[in-house]
């Protein structure tokens, strides 16, 4: 029994840690990548993204409707604010737009937003499968960590019940929170915290970085 146990552990380790097979390319450029809806991470951003004095950033760019810009920033006097602006249809601003609305928020809410964005962005990578379309919306997430710099990631119209959709839904909750005159910071913090906890649990089992 003692002899078989190390062998069993070795086989189990190999099965769990088996590396991915090399991607098979088509040098003739005639084949399309396999398509899927089950992308569980953000991808690298392919275009220029606004830089600026933000801690976290979210951009919603629908194909045929006006989009939304949301940023979490820290003011000179140490307060945390959510900044909201509308952007033209089918576009992603190259520079940070001037906020139309600015709302101070409690530190715990700012912190849980930051935790969620950063940990999702640390999973940004290209995927072997194709999922993008033409008439949906593109979503861009950004954050900044001292020593790591600015990180960006994007996703196109996520539908599967996976981290990208959780992130988009959470960003929409924050946009609605800023726009709602009867907003409830405690309720919103609880909602974002639930998303963060679900993301952390998923990354613990499936995260790559």
N, C-alpha and C. Protein backbone atom coordinates (compact mmCIF):
# COMPACT_ATOMS: atom_id res chain seq x y z
N UNK A 1 0.83 -1.20 0.00
CA UNK A 1 0.00 0.00 0.00
C UNK A 1 0.87 1.25 0.00
N UNK A 2 1.93 1.25 0.82
CA UNK A 2 2.82 2.40 0.86
C UNK A 2 3.52 2.61 -0.47
N UNK A 3 3.76 1.53 -1.20
CA UNK A 3 4.43 1.63 -2.50
C UNK A 3 3.51 2.24 -3.55
N UNK A 4 2.22 1.90 -3.47
CA UNK A 4 1.27 2.37 -4.47
C UNK A 4 0.87 3.83 -4.26
N UNK A 5 0.90 4.31 -3.01
CA UNK A 5 0.46 5.66 -2.73
C UNK A 5 1.27 6.73 -3.46
N UNK A 6 2.63 6.70 -3.43
CA UNK A 6 3.39 7.71 -4.17
C UNK A 6 3.10 7.66 -5.68
N UNK A 7 2.90 6.44 -6.22
CA UNK A 7 2.60 6.31 -7.64
C UNK A 7 1.26 6.94 -7.97
N UNK A 8 0.27 6.76 -7.08
CA UNK A 8 -1.05 7.34 -7.29
C UNK A 8 -0.97 8.86 -7.26
N UNK A 9 -0.22 9.41 -6.31
CA UNK A 9 -0.07 10.86 -6.20
C UNK A 9 0.61 11.42 -7.45
N UNK A 10 1.62 10.73 -7.98
CA UNK A 10 2.34 11.17 -9.17
C UNK A 10 1.40 11.20 -10.37
N UNK A 11 0.63 10.15 -10.55
CA UNK A 11 -0.31 10.09 -11.68
C UNK A 11 -1.35 11.19 -11.57
N UNK A 12 -1.87 11.41 -10.36
CA UNK A 12 -2.87 12.45 -10.14
C UNK A 12 -2.29 13.83 -10.45
N UNK A 13 -1.07 14.08 -10.03
CA UNK A 13 -0.41 15.37 -10.29
C UNK A 13 -0.25 15.61 -11.78
N UNK A 14 0.16 14.58 -12.51
CA UNK A 14 0.36 14.72 -13.96
C UNK A 14 -0.97 15.02 -14.64
N UNK A 15 -2.04 14.35 -14.21
CA UNK A 15 -3.35 14.55 -14.82
C UNK A 15 -3.86 15.96 -14.58
N UNK A 16 -3.66 16.47 -13.36
CA UNK A 16 -4.17 17.79 -13.00
C UNK A 16 -3.34 18.89 -13.65
N UNK A 17 -2.02 18.71 -13.67
CA UNK A 17 -1.13 19.78 -14.12
C UNK A 17 -0.70 19.63 -15.58
N UNK A 18 -1.38 18.77 -16.34
CA UNK A 18 -0.98 18.55 -17.72
C UNK A 18 -1.03 19.86 -18.52
N UNK A 19 0.04 20.26 -19.18
CA UNK A 19 0.03 21.52 -19.93
C UNK A 19 -0.86 21.43 -21.16
N UNK A 20 -1.28 22.59 -21.66
CA UNK A 20 -2.11 22.64 -22.86
C UNK A 20 -1.32 22.19 -24.07
N UNK A 21 -2.03 21.61 -25.01
CA UNK A 21 -1.40 21.23 -26.27
C UNK A 21 -1.13 22.48 -27.11
N UNK A 22 -0.09 22.47 -27.96
CA UNK A 22 0.16 23.62 -28.84
C UNK A 22 -1.05 23.92 -29.72
N UNK A 23 -1.29 25.18 -29.95
CA UNK A 23 -2.41 25.59 -30.80
C UNK A 23 -2.07 25.27 -32.26
N UNK A 24 -2.98 24.61 -32.94
CA UNK A 24 -2.75 24.22 -34.34
C UNK A 24 -3.16 25.36 -35.27
N UNK A 25 -2.20 25.97 -35.91
CA UNK A 25 -2.47 27.12 -36.78
C UNK A 25 -2.71 26.68 -38.22
N UNK A 26 -3.31 27.56 -39.00
CA UNK A 26 -3.56 27.32 -40.42
C UNK A 26 -2.76 28.34 -41.22
N UNK A 27 -1.63 27.93 -41.76
CA UNK A 27 -0.75 28.85 -42.48
C UNK A 27 -1.42 29.43 -43.72
N UNK A 28 -2.45 28.75 -44.24
CA UNK A 28 -3.16 29.24 -45.43
C UNK A 28 -4.18 30.32 -45.07
N UNK A 29 -4.41 30.49 -43.78
CA UNK A 29 -5.35 31.51 -43.28
C UNK A 29 -6.77 31.30 -43.82
N UNK A 30 -7.18 30.05 -43.88
CA UNK A 30 -8.52 29.73 -44.39
C UNK A 30 -9.45 29.25 -43.27
N UNK A 31 -8.91 28.70 -42.22
CA UNK A 31 -9.71 28.15 -41.13
C UNK A 31 -10.00 29.21 -40.07
N UNK A 32 -11.19 29.13 -39.48
CA UNK A 32 -11.57 30.01 -38.39
C UNK A 32 -11.32 29.31 -37.05
N UNK A 33 -11.04 30.11 -36.04
CA UNK A 33 -10.90 29.55 -34.70
C UNK A 33 -12.24 29.00 -34.24
N UNK A 34 -12.19 27.98 -33.40
CA UNK A 34 -13.40 27.42 -32.83
C UNK A 34 -14.15 28.49 -32.04
N UNK A 35 -15.47 28.52 -32.16
CA UNK A 35 -16.28 29.54 -31.49
C UNK A 35 -16.87 29.01 -30.19
N UNK A 36 -17.08 29.90 -29.23
CA UNK A 36 -17.67 29.52 -27.95
C UNK A 36 -18.27 30.75 -27.29
N UNK A 37 -19.17 30.52 -26.32
CA UNK A 37 -19.71 31.60 -25.50
C UNK A 37 -19.13 31.57 -24.10
N UNK A 38 -18.33 30.56 -23.80
CA UNK A 38 -17.88 30.30 -22.44
C UNK A 38 -16.49 30.88 -22.13
N UNK A 39 -16.29 32.13 -22.43
CA UNK A 39 -15.03 32.80 -22.08
C UNK A 39 -15.12 33.21 -20.61
N UNK A 40 -14.16 32.77 -19.79
CA UNK A 40 -14.25 33.05 -18.36
C UNK A 40 -13.23 34.08 -17.88
N UNK A 41 -12.68 34.85 -18.79
CA UNK A 41 -11.70 35.86 -18.43
C UNK A 41 -11.77 37.02 -19.40
N UNK A 42 -11.17 38.15 -19.05
CA UNK A 42 -11.07 39.29 -19.95
C UNK A 42 -9.90 39.06 -20.91
N UNK A 43 -9.99 39.70 -22.08
CA UNK A 43 -8.91 39.63 -23.06
C UNK A 43 -8.15 40.95 -23.12
N UNK A 44 -6.94 40.94 -23.67
CA UNK A 44 -6.20 42.20 -23.82
C UNK A 44 -6.97 43.18 -24.70
N UNK A 45 -6.84 44.45 -24.40
CA UNK A 45 -7.50 45.49 -25.18
C UNK A 45 -6.71 45.74 -26.46
N UNK A 46 -7.42 45.85 -27.57
CA UNK A 46 -6.75 45.96 -28.87
C UNK A 46 -6.57 47.41 -29.33
N UNK A 47 -7.23 48.35 -28.68
CA UNK A 47 -7.14 49.76 -29.07
C UNK A 47 -6.66 50.59 -27.89
N UNK A 48 -6.46 51.86 -28.15
CA UNK A 48 -6.03 52.78 -27.11
C UNK A 48 -7.12 52.93 -26.05
N UNK A 49 -6.70 52.99 -24.79
CA UNK A 49 -7.62 53.12 -23.67
C UNK A 49 -7.28 54.39 -22.89
N UNK A 50 -8.29 55.11 -22.40
CA UNK A 50 -8.00 56.33 -21.63
C UNK A 50 -7.08 56.07 -20.44
N UNK A 51 -6.08 56.90 -20.29
CA UNK A 51 -5.23 56.88 -19.12
C UNK A 51 -5.67 58.05 -18.24
N UNK A 52 -5.35 58.01 -16.99
CA UNK A 52 -5.75 59.14 -16.16
C UNK A 52 -5.64 58.85 -14.69
N UNK A 53 -6.20 59.75 -13.91
CA UNK A 53 -6.09 59.65 -12.46
C UNK A 53 -7.22 58.80 -11.90
N UNK A 54 -7.32 57.57 -12.34
CA UNK A 54 -8.36 56.69 -11.80
C UNK A 54 -7.72 55.49 -11.11
N UNK A 55 -8.51 54.87 -10.23
CA UNK A 55 -8.12 53.63 -9.57
C UNK A 55 -8.72 52.46 -10.34
N UNK A 56 -9.95 52.66 -10.80
CA UNK A 56 -10.63 51.66 -11.61
C UNK A 56 -11.46 52.37 -12.66
N UNK A 57 -11.65 51.71 -13.79
CA UNK A 57 -12.34 52.33 -14.91
C UNK A 57 -13.20 51.29 -15.64
N UNK A 58 -14.37 51.73 -16.13
CA UNK A 58 -15.27 50.87 -16.89
C UNK A 58 -15.83 51.66 -18.06
N UNK A 59 -15.77 51.04 -19.25
CA UNK A 59 -16.30 51.69 -20.45
C UNK A 59 -17.24 50.72 -21.16
N UNK A 60 -18.45 51.17 -21.39
CA UNK A 60 -19.43 50.38 -22.14
C UNK A 60 -19.60 51.02 -23.51
N UNK A 61 -19.32 50.25 -24.57
CA UNK A 61 -19.37 50.78 -25.93
C UNK A 61 -20.32 49.95 -26.79
N UNK A 62 -21.63 50.26 -26.77
CA UNK A 62 -22.57 49.54 -27.64
C UNK A 62 -22.35 49.92 -29.10
N UNK A 63 -22.79 49.04 -30.00
CA UNK A 63 -22.59 49.29 -31.43
C UNK A 63 -23.45 50.43 -31.94
N UNK A 64 -24.70 50.53 -31.44
CA UNK A 64 -25.63 51.48 -32.05
C UNK A 64 -26.34 52.36 -31.03
N UNK A 65 -25.78 52.52 -29.87
CA UNK A 65 -26.37 53.38 -28.84
C UNK A 65 -25.27 54.10 -28.08
N UNK A 66 -25.64 55.14 -27.37
CA UNK A 66 -24.66 55.86 -26.58
C UNK A 66 -24.08 54.95 -25.50
N UNK A 67 -22.81 55.15 -25.20
CA UNK A 67 -22.14 54.33 -24.21
C UNK A 67 -21.99 55.03 -22.88
N UNK A 68 -21.29 54.35 -21.98
CA UNK A 68 -21.14 54.86 -20.61
C UNK A 68 -19.68 54.77 -20.18
N UNK A 69 -19.24 55.80 -19.49
CA UNK A 69 -17.90 55.82 -18.90
C UNK A 69 -18.06 55.96 -17.39
N UNK A 70 -17.38 55.10 -16.64
CA UNK A 70 -17.42 55.14 -15.18
C UNK A 70 -16.01 54.99 -14.65
N UNK A 71 -15.64 55.83 -13.69
CA UNK A 71 -14.30 55.73 -13.09
C UNK A 71 -14.39 55.89 -11.59
N UNK A 72 -13.56 55.15 -10.89
CA UNK A 72 -13.35 55.33 -9.46
C UNK A 72 -12.04 56.08 -9.29
N UNK A 73 -12.08 57.23 -8.64
CA UNK A 73 -10.88 58.06 -8.49
C UNK A 73 -10.73 58.51 -7.04
N UNK A 74 -9.50 58.87 -6.69
CA UNK A 74 -9.21 59.40 -5.36
C UNK A 74 -8.89 60.88 -5.49
N UNK A 75 -9.55 61.71 -4.71
CA UNK A 75 -9.36 63.15 -4.80
C UNK A 75 -8.11 63.57 -4.02
N UNK A 76 -7.73 64.83 -4.19
CA UNK A 76 -6.55 65.34 -3.51
C UNK A 76 -6.69 65.33 -1.99
N UNK A 77 -7.92 65.44 -1.51
CA UNK A 77 -8.13 65.43 -0.05
C UNK A 77 -8.45 64.04 0.49
N UNK A 78 -8.16 62.99 -0.33
CA UNK A 78 -8.27 61.63 0.15
C UNK A 78 -9.66 61.02 0.09
N UNK A 79 -10.59 61.66 -0.59
CA UNK A 79 -11.93 61.12 -0.75
C UNK A 79 -11.98 60.24 -2.00
N UNK A 80 -12.95 59.33 -2.02
CA UNK A 80 -13.13 58.46 -3.19
C UNK A 80 -14.43 58.82 -3.89
N UNK A 81 -14.36 58.95 -5.21
CA UNK A 81 -15.52 59.38 -5.98
C UNK A 81 -15.73 58.47 -7.18
N UNK A 82 -17.01 58.31 -7.56
CA UNK A 82 -17.36 57.67 -8.81
C UNK A 82 -17.70 58.76 -9.81
N UNK A 83 -17.07 58.71 -10.97
CA UNK A 83 -17.27 59.71 -12.01
C UNK A 83 -17.98 59.06 -13.20
N UNK A 84 -19.04 59.70 -13.68
CA UNK A 84 -19.88 59.12 -14.72
C UNK A 84 -20.02 60.08 -15.89
N UNK A 85 -19.95 59.53 -17.12
CA UNK A 85 -20.13 60.34 -18.32
C UNK A 85 -20.75 59.48 -19.42
N UNK A 86 -21.39 60.13 -20.39
CA UNK A 86 -21.96 59.46 -21.55
C UNK A 86 -21.00 59.62 -22.72
N UNK A 87 -20.84 58.56 -23.53
CA UNK A 87 -19.94 58.63 -24.68
C UNK A 87 -20.73 58.32 -25.96
N UNK A 88 -20.26 58.78 -27.12
CA UNK A 88 -20.98 58.56 -28.38
C UNK A 88 -21.13 57.07 -28.71
N UNK A 89 -22.15 56.77 -29.50
CA UNK A 89 -22.42 55.39 -29.90
C UNK A 89 -21.26 54.79 -30.69
N UNK A 90 -20.99 53.52 -30.46
CA UNK A 90 -19.99 52.79 -31.22
C UNK A 90 -18.57 53.27 -31.03
N UNK A 91 -18.28 53.88 -29.89
CA UNK A 91 -16.94 54.43 -29.70
C UNK A 91 -16.40 54.09 -28.32
N UNK A 92 -15.07 54.16 -28.22
CA UNK A 92 -14.41 54.10 -26.92
C UNK A 92 -13.48 55.30 -26.87
N UNK A 93 -13.64 56.18 -25.88
CA UNK A 93 -12.82 57.40 -25.84
C UNK A 93 -11.34 57.08 -25.73
N UNK A 94 -10.51 57.86 -26.40
CA UNK A 94 -9.07 57.68 -26.31
C UNK A 94 -8.50 58.40 -25.10
N UNK A 95 -9.25 59.39 -24.63
CA UNK A 95 -8.86 60.13 -23.43
C UNK A 95 -10.01 60.11 -22.43
N UNK A 96 -9.69 60.27 -21.18
CA UNK A 96 -10.72 60.25 -20.15
C UNK A 96 -11.70 61.39 -20.35
N UNK A 97 -13.01 61.11 -20.51
CA UNK A 97 -13.98 62.18 -20.72
C UNK A 97 -14.23 62.99 -19.46
N UNK A 98 -14.71 64.20 -19.63
CA UNK A 98 -15.03 65.05 -18.48
C UNK A 98 -16.27 64.47 -17.79
N UNK A 99 -16.21 64.25 -16.49
CA UNK A 99 -17.36 63.66 -15.78
C UNK A 99 -18.59 64.57 -15.84
N UNK A 100 -19.74 63.98 -16.09
CA UNK A 100 -21.01 64.70 -16.04
C UNK A 100 -21.58 64.65 -14.62
N UNK A 101 -21.22 63.59 -13.90
CA UNK A 101 -21.66 63.39 -12.52
C UNK A 101 -20.49 62.88 -11.70
N UNK A 102 -20.34 63.40 -10.49
CA UNK A 102 -19.28 62.93 -9.59
C UNK A 102 -19.89 62.72 -8.21
N UNK A 103 -19.73 61.51 -7.68
CA UNK A 103 -20.37 61.15 -6.43
C UNK A 103 -19.35 60.59 -5.44
N UNK A 104 -19.27 61.19 -4.27
CA UNK A 104 -18.39 60.66 -3.23
C UNK A 104 -18.99 59.38 -2.66
N UNK A 105 -18.14 58.36 -2.42
CA UNK A 105 -18.62 57.09 -1.89
C UNK A 105 -17.80 56.69 -0.67
N UNK A 106 -18.34 55.81 0.18
CA UNK A 106 -17.60 55.35 1.37
C UNK A 106 -16.36 54.54 0.98
N UNK A 107 -15.37 54.56 1.84
CA UNK A 107 -14.13 53.82 1.59
C UNK A 107 -14.38 52.32 1.38
N UNK A 108 -15.23 51.66 2.19
CA UNK A 108 -15.44 50.22 1.98
C UNK A 108 -15.98 49.89 0.59
N UNK A 109 -16.86 50.73 0.05
CA UNK A 109 -17.37 50.50 -1.30
C UNK A 109 -16.26 50.68 -2.32
N UNK A 110 -15.45 51.72 -2.17
CA UNK A 110 -14.33 51.95 -3.09
C UNK A 110 -13.37 50.77 -3.05
N UNK A 111 -13.11 50.26 -1.86
CA UNK A 111 -12.15 49.17 -1.70
C UNK A 111 -12.62 47.89 -2.38
N UNK A 112 -13.90 47.55 -2.24
CA UNK A 112 -14.39 46.30 -2.82
C UNK A 112 -14.47 46.40 -4.35
N UNK A 113 -14.73 47.58 -4.87
CA UNK A 113 -14.67 47.79 -6.33
C UNK A 113 -13.25 47.53 -6.81
N UNK A 114 -12.30 48.13 -6.12
CA UNK A 114 -10.89 48.00 -6.48
C UNK A 114 -10.43 46.55 -6.42
N UNK A 115 -10.79 45.84 -5.35
CA UNK A 115 -10.41 44.44 -5.21
C UNK A 115 -10.94 43.60 -6.38
N UNK A 116 -12.18 43.85 -6.77
CA UNK A 116 -12.81 43.08 -7.83
C UNK A 116 -12.14 43.33 -9.17
N UNK A 117 -11.95 44.60 -9.50
CA UNK A 117 -11.35 44.96 -10.80
C UNK A 117 -9.93 44.40 -10.92
N UNK A 118 -9.11 44.63 -9.91
CA UNK A 118 -7.70 44.23 -9.98
C UNK A 118 -7.56 42.72 -10.17
N UNK A 119 -8.28 41.95 -9.38
CA UNK A 119 -8.13 40.50 -9.46
C UNK A 119 -8.67 39.94 -10.76
N UNK A 120 -9.69 40.55 -11.32
CA UNK A 120 -10.17 40.12 -12.64
C UNK A 120 -9.16 40.47 -13.72
N UNK A 121 -8.54 41.63 -13.61
CA UNK A 121 -7.58 42.06 -14.63
C UNK A 121 -6.28 41.27 -14.59
N UNK A 122 -5.94 40.71 -13.45
CA UNK A 122 -4.75 39.87 -13.38
C UNK A 122 -4.93 38.55 -14.14
N UNK A 123 -6.14 38.27 -14.58
CA UNK A 123 -6.43 37.07 -15.37
C UNK A 123 -6.52 37.36 -16.87
N UNK A 124 -6.24 38.59 -17.29
CA UNK A 124 -6.35 38.95 -18.70
C UNK A 124 -5.38 38.12 -19.55
N UNK A 125 -5.90 37.54 -20.63
CA UNK A 125 -5.07 36.79 -21.57
C UNK A 125 -5.87 36.53 -22.84
N UNK A 126 -5.16 36.18 -23.90
CA UNK A 126 -5.83 35.78 -25.14
C UNK A 126 -6.45 34.40 -24.95
N UNK A 127 -7.43 34.09 -25.77
CA UNK A 127 -8.08 32.80 -25.69
C UNK A 127 -7.91 32.04 -27.00
N UNK A 128 -8.01 30.73 -26.93
CA UNK A 128 -7.88 29.89 -28.11
C UNK A 128 -9.15 29.87 -28.95
N UNK A 129 -10.26 30.32 -28.36
CA UNK A 129 -11.53 30.26 -29.06
C UNK A 129 -12.06 31.65 -29.36
N UNK A 130 -12.91 31.75 -30.37
CA UNK A 130 -13.48 33.02 -30.80
C UNK A 130 -14.87 33.19 -30.20
N UNK A 131 -15.21 34.42 -29.83
CA UNK A 131 -16.53 34.65 -29.25
C UNK A 131 -17.12 36.00 -29.65
N UNK A 132 -16.35 36.88 -30.25
CA UNK A 132 -16.82 38.23 -30.55
C UNK A 132 -17.78 38.27 -31.73
N UNK A 133 -18.65 39.30 -31.74
CA UNK A 133 -19.60 39.51 -32.82
C UNK A 133 -19.55 40.94 -33.32
N UNK A 134 -20.66 41.42 -33.88
CA UNK A 134 -20.65 42.73 -34.52
C UNK A 134 -21.66 43.71 -33.92
N UNK A 135 -22.79 43.23 -33.43
CA UNK A 135 -23.85 44.15 -33.04
C UNK A 135 -24.16 44.11 -31.54
N UNK A 136 -23.19 43.76 -30.74
CA UNK A 136 -23.38 43.76 -29.29
C UNK A 136 -22.74 44.99 -28.67
N UNK A 137 -22.07 44.78 -27.55
CA UNK A 137 -21.38 45.87 -26.87
C UNK A 137 -20.00 45.40 -26.41
N UNK A 138 -19.06 46.29 -26.46
CA UNK A 138 -17.72 45.99 -25.98
C UNK A 138 -17.53 46.65 -24.62
N UNK A 139 -16.98 45.90 -23.68
CA UNK A 139 -16.79 46.41 -22.32
C UNK A 139 -15.30 46.40 -21.98
N UNK A 140 -14.83 47.52 -21.48
CA UNK A 140 -13.41 47.67 -21.14
C UNK A 140 -13.27 47.95 -19.65
N UNK A 141 -12.38 47.23 -19.00
CA UNK A 141 -12.09 47.42 -17.58
C UNK A 141 -10.62 47.82 -17.43
N UNK A 142 -10.35 48.72 -16.51
CA UNK A 142 -8.98 49.15 -16.24
C UNK A 142 -8.78 49.34 -14.75
N UNK A 143 -7.53 49.21 -14.32
CA UNK A 143 -7.20 49.50 -12.93
C UNK A 143 -5.71 49.80 -12.84
N UNK A 144 -5.31 50.33 -11.70
CA UNK A 144 -3.91 50.71 -11.49
C UNK A 144 -3.44 50.17 -10.15
N UNK A 145 -2.26 49.55 -10.16
CA UNK A 145 -1.62 49.08 -8.94
C UNK A 145 -0.19 49.61 -8.92
N UNK A 146 0.21 50.24 -7.85
CA UNK A 146 1.57 50.78 -7.77
C UNK A 146 2.57 49.63 -7.87
N UNK A 147 3.53 49.79 -8.77
CA UNK A 147 4.52 48.74 -8.99
C UNK A 147 4.16 47.83 -10.15
N UNK A 148 2.86 47.72 -10.45
CA UNK A 148 2.41 46.93 -11.61
C UNK A 148 1.99 47.81 -12.76
N UNK A 149 1.55 49.03 -12.44
CA UNK A 149 1.12 49.95 -13.49
C UNK A 149 -0.36 49.80 -13.81
N UNK A 150 -0.74 50.31 -14.98
CA UNK A 150 -2.13 50.27 -15.42
C UNK A 150 -2.39 48.96 -16.15
N UNK A 151 -3.52 48.34 -15.84
CA UNK A 151 -3.92 47.10 -16.49
C UNK A 151 -5.26 47.32 -17.19
N UNK A 152 -5.42 46.73 -18.37
CA UNK A 152 -6.65 46.86 -19.13
C UNK A 152 -7.13 45.48 -19.58
N UNK A 153 -8.42 45.30 -19.70
CA UNK A 153 -8.99 44.08 -20.23
C UNK A 153 -10.34 44.37 -20.85
N UNK A 154 -10.76 43.55 -21.80
CA UNK A 154 -12.04 43.79 -22.45
C UNK A 154 -12.80 42.49 -22.66
N UNK A 155 -14.10 42.64 -22.90
CA UNK A 155 -14.96 41.50 -23.21
C UNK A 155 -16.09 42.00 -24.09
N UNK A 156 -16.55 41.14 -25.00
CA UNK A 156 -17.65 41.52 -25.88
C UNK A 156 -18.90 40.75 -25.47
N UNK A 157 -19.95 41.48 -25.10
CA UNK A 157 -21.29 40.94 -24.81
C UNK A 157 -21.27 39.56 -24.15
N UNK A 158 -20.76 39.44 -22.94
CA UNK A 158 -20.73 38.12 -22.28
C UNK A 158 -22.14 37.63 -21.95
N UNK A 159 -22.40 36.35 -22.20
CA UNK A 159 -23.71 35.77 -21.93
C UNK A 159 -23.65 34.64 -20.90
N UNK A 160 -22.55 33.92 -20.87
CA UNK A 160 -22.42 32.79 -19.94
C UNK A 160 -22.29 33.30 -18.50
N UNK A 161 -22.76 32.49 -17.56
CA UNK A 161 -22.69 32.84 -16.15
C UNK A 161 -21.26 32.59 -15.63
N UNK A 162 -20.38 33.52 -16.01
CA UNK A 162 -18.95 33.42 -15.72
C UNK A 162 -18.41 34.80 -15.34
N UNK A 163 -17.16 34.90 -14.87
CA UNK A 163 -16.63 36.18 -14.38
C UNK A 163 -16.85 37.39 -15.28
N UNK A 164 -16.64 37.33 -16.61
CA UNK A 164 -16.87 38.54 -17.40
C UNK A 164 -18.28 39.11 -17.26
N UNK A 165 -19.28 38.23 -17.26
CA UNK A 165 -20.67 38.71 -17.09
C UNK A 165 -20.88 39.25 -15.69
N UNK A 166 -20.29 38.62 -14.69
CA UNK A 166 -20.42 39.12 -13.33
C UNK A 166 -19.84 40.53 -13.23
N UNK A 167 -18.72 40.75 -13.89
CA UNK A 167 -18.09 42.07 -13.86
C UNK A 167 -18.96 43.12 -14.53
N UNK A 168 -19.49 42.79 -15.69
CA UNK A 168 -20.35 43.73 -16.42
C UNK A 168 -21.60 44.04 -15.60
N UNK A 169 -22.22 43.02 -15.04
CA UNK A 169 -23.41 43.23 -14.22
C UNK A 169 -23.10 44.12 -13.01
N UNK A 170 -21.94 43.90 -12.41
CA UNK A 170 -21.55 44.70 -11.25
C UNK A 170 -21.31 46.15 -11.65
N UNK A 171 -20.68 46.37 -12.80
CA UNK A 171 -20.46 47.73 -13.30
C UNK A 171 -21.79 48.42 -13.57
N UNK A 172 -22.75 47.69 -14.14
CA UNK A 172 -24.07 48.26 -14.38
C UNK A 172 -24.75 48.65 -13.06
N UNK A 173 -24.56 47.86 -12.02
CA UNK A 173 -25.11 48.20 -10.71
C UNK A 173 -24.52 49.51 -10.20
N UNK A 174 -23.23 49.71 -10.43
CA UNK A 174 -22.58 50.94 -9.98
C UNK A 174 -23.07 52.15 -10.78
N UNK A 175 -23.27 51.97 -12.07
CA UNK A 175 -23.79 53.06 -12.91
C UNK A 175 -25.19 53.45 -12.42
N UNK A 176 -26.03 52.45 -12.18
CA UNK A 176 -27.39 52.70 -11.68
C UNK A 176 -27.35 53.38 -10.32
N UNK A 177 -26.40 52.98 -9.49
CA UNK A 177 -26.23 53.57 -8.16
C UNK A 177 -25.94 55.06 -8.26
N UNK A 178 -25.03 55.45 -9.15
CA UNK A 178 -24.68 56.86 -9.31
C UNK A 178 -25.88 57.66 -9.80
N UNK A 179 -26.66 57.08 -10.68
CA UNK A 179 -27.79 57.79 -11.30
C UNK A 179 -29.03 57.87 -10.40
N UNK A 180 -29.10 57.02 -9.41
CA UNK A 180 -30.30 56.92 -8.58
C UNK A 180 -30.25 57.92 -7.42
N UNK A 181 -31.17 58.90 -7.37
CA UNK A 181 -31.16 59.86 -6.26
C UNK A 181 -31.49 59.22 -4.91
N UNK A 182 -32.10 58.03 -4.93
CA UNK A 182 -32.42 57.31 -3.70
C UNK A 182 -31.43 56.19 -3.42
N UNK A 183 -30.24 56.36 -3.92
CA UNK A 183 -29.20 55.32 -3.85
C UNK A 183 -28.95 54.85 -2.41
N UNK A 184 -28.54 53.59 -2.30
CA UNK A 184 -28.24 52.99 -1.00
C UNK A 184 -26.81 52.44 -1.03
N UNK A 185 -25.84 53.15 -0.46
CA UNK A 185 -24.44 52.71 -0.49
C UNK A 185 -24.23 51.34 0.15
N UNK A 186 -24.93 51.06 1.24
CA UNK A 186 -24.74 49.78 1.94
C UNK A 186 -25.23 48.62 1.07
N UNK A 187 -26.38 48.80 0.44
CA UNK A 187 -26.93 47.76 -0.43
C UNK A 187 -26.02 47.53 -1.63
N UNK A 188 -25.51 48.62 -2.21
CA UNK A 188 -24.63 48.51 -3.38
C UNK A 188 -23.32 47.85 -3.00
N UNK A 189 -22.77 48.22 -1.86
CA UNK A 189 -21.53 47.58 -1.39
C UNK A 189 -21.73 46.08 -1.21
N UNK A 190 -22.86 45.69 -0.66
CA UNK A 190 -23.15 44.27 -0.44
C UNK A 190 -23.23 43.53 -1.77
N UNK A 191 -23.82 44.17 -2.78
CA UNK A 191 -23.94 43.54 -4.10
C UNK A 191 -22.58 43.36 -4.75
N UNK A 192 -21.74 44.39 -4.69
CA UNK A 192 -20.40 44.30 -5.28
C UNK A 192 -19.55 43.31 -4.50
N UNK A 193 -19.72 43.28 -3.19
CA UNK A 193 -18.96 42.34 -2.36
C UNK A 193 -19.33 40.89 -2.71
N UNK A 194 -20.61 40.66 -3.00
CA UNK A 194 -21.05 39.32 -3.39
C UNK A 194 -20.39 38.91 -4.70
N UNK A 195 -20.30 39.86 -5.64
CA UNK A 195 -19.61 39.59 -6.91
C UNK A 195 -18.14 39.30 -6.67
N UNK A 196 -17.50 40.10 -5.83
CA UNK A 196 -16.08 39.88 -5.51
C UNK A 196 -15.87 38.49 -4.92
N UNK A 197 -16.70 38.11 -3.98
CA UNK A 197 -16.53 36.81 -3.32
C UNK A 197 -16.74 35.66 -4.31
N UNK A 198 -17.72 35.82 -5.20
CA UNK A 198 -17.96 34.79 -6.22
C UNK A 198 -16.78 34.70 -7.18
N UNK A 199 -16.22 35.87 -7.54
CA UNK A 199 -15.04 35.89 -8.41
C UNK A 199 -13.86 35.22 -7.73
N UNK A 200 -13.61 35.56 -6.46
CA UNK A 200 -12.49 34.97 -5.73
C UNK A 200 -12.62 33.46 -5.64
N UNK A 201 -13.82 32.98 -5.40
CA UNK A 201 -14.04 31.53 -5.31
C UNK A 201 -13.77 30.86 -6.65
N UNK A 202 -14.17 31.52 -7.72
CA UNK A 202 -13.94 30.96 -9.07
C UNK A 202 -12.44 30.95 -9.38
N UNK A 203 -11.76 32.04 -9.08
CA UNK A 203 -10.32 32.13 -9.38
C UNK A 203 -9.51 31.14 -8.55
N UNK A 204 -9.96 30.87 -7.34
CA UNK A 204 -9.24 29.90 -6.51
C UNK A 204 -9.20 28.53 -7.17
N UNK A 205 -10.25 28.20 -7.92
CA UNK A 205 -10.33 26.89 -8.57
C UNK A 205 -9.87 26.92 -10.01
N UNK A 206 -10.11 28.04 -10.71
CA UNK A 206 -9.85 28.07 -12.15
C UNK A 206 -8.83 29.13 -12.59
N UNK A 207 -8.37 29.97 -11.68
CA UNK A 207 -7.46 31.06 -12.06
C UNK A 207 -6.15 30.55 -12.64
N UNK A 208 -5.56 31.33 -13.55
CA UNK A 208 -4.31 30.95 -14.22
C UNK A 208 -3.12 31.69 -13.64
N UNK A 209 -3.34 32.84 -13.00
CA UNK A 209 -2.21 33.65 -12.54
C UNK A 209 -2.19 33.76 -11.02
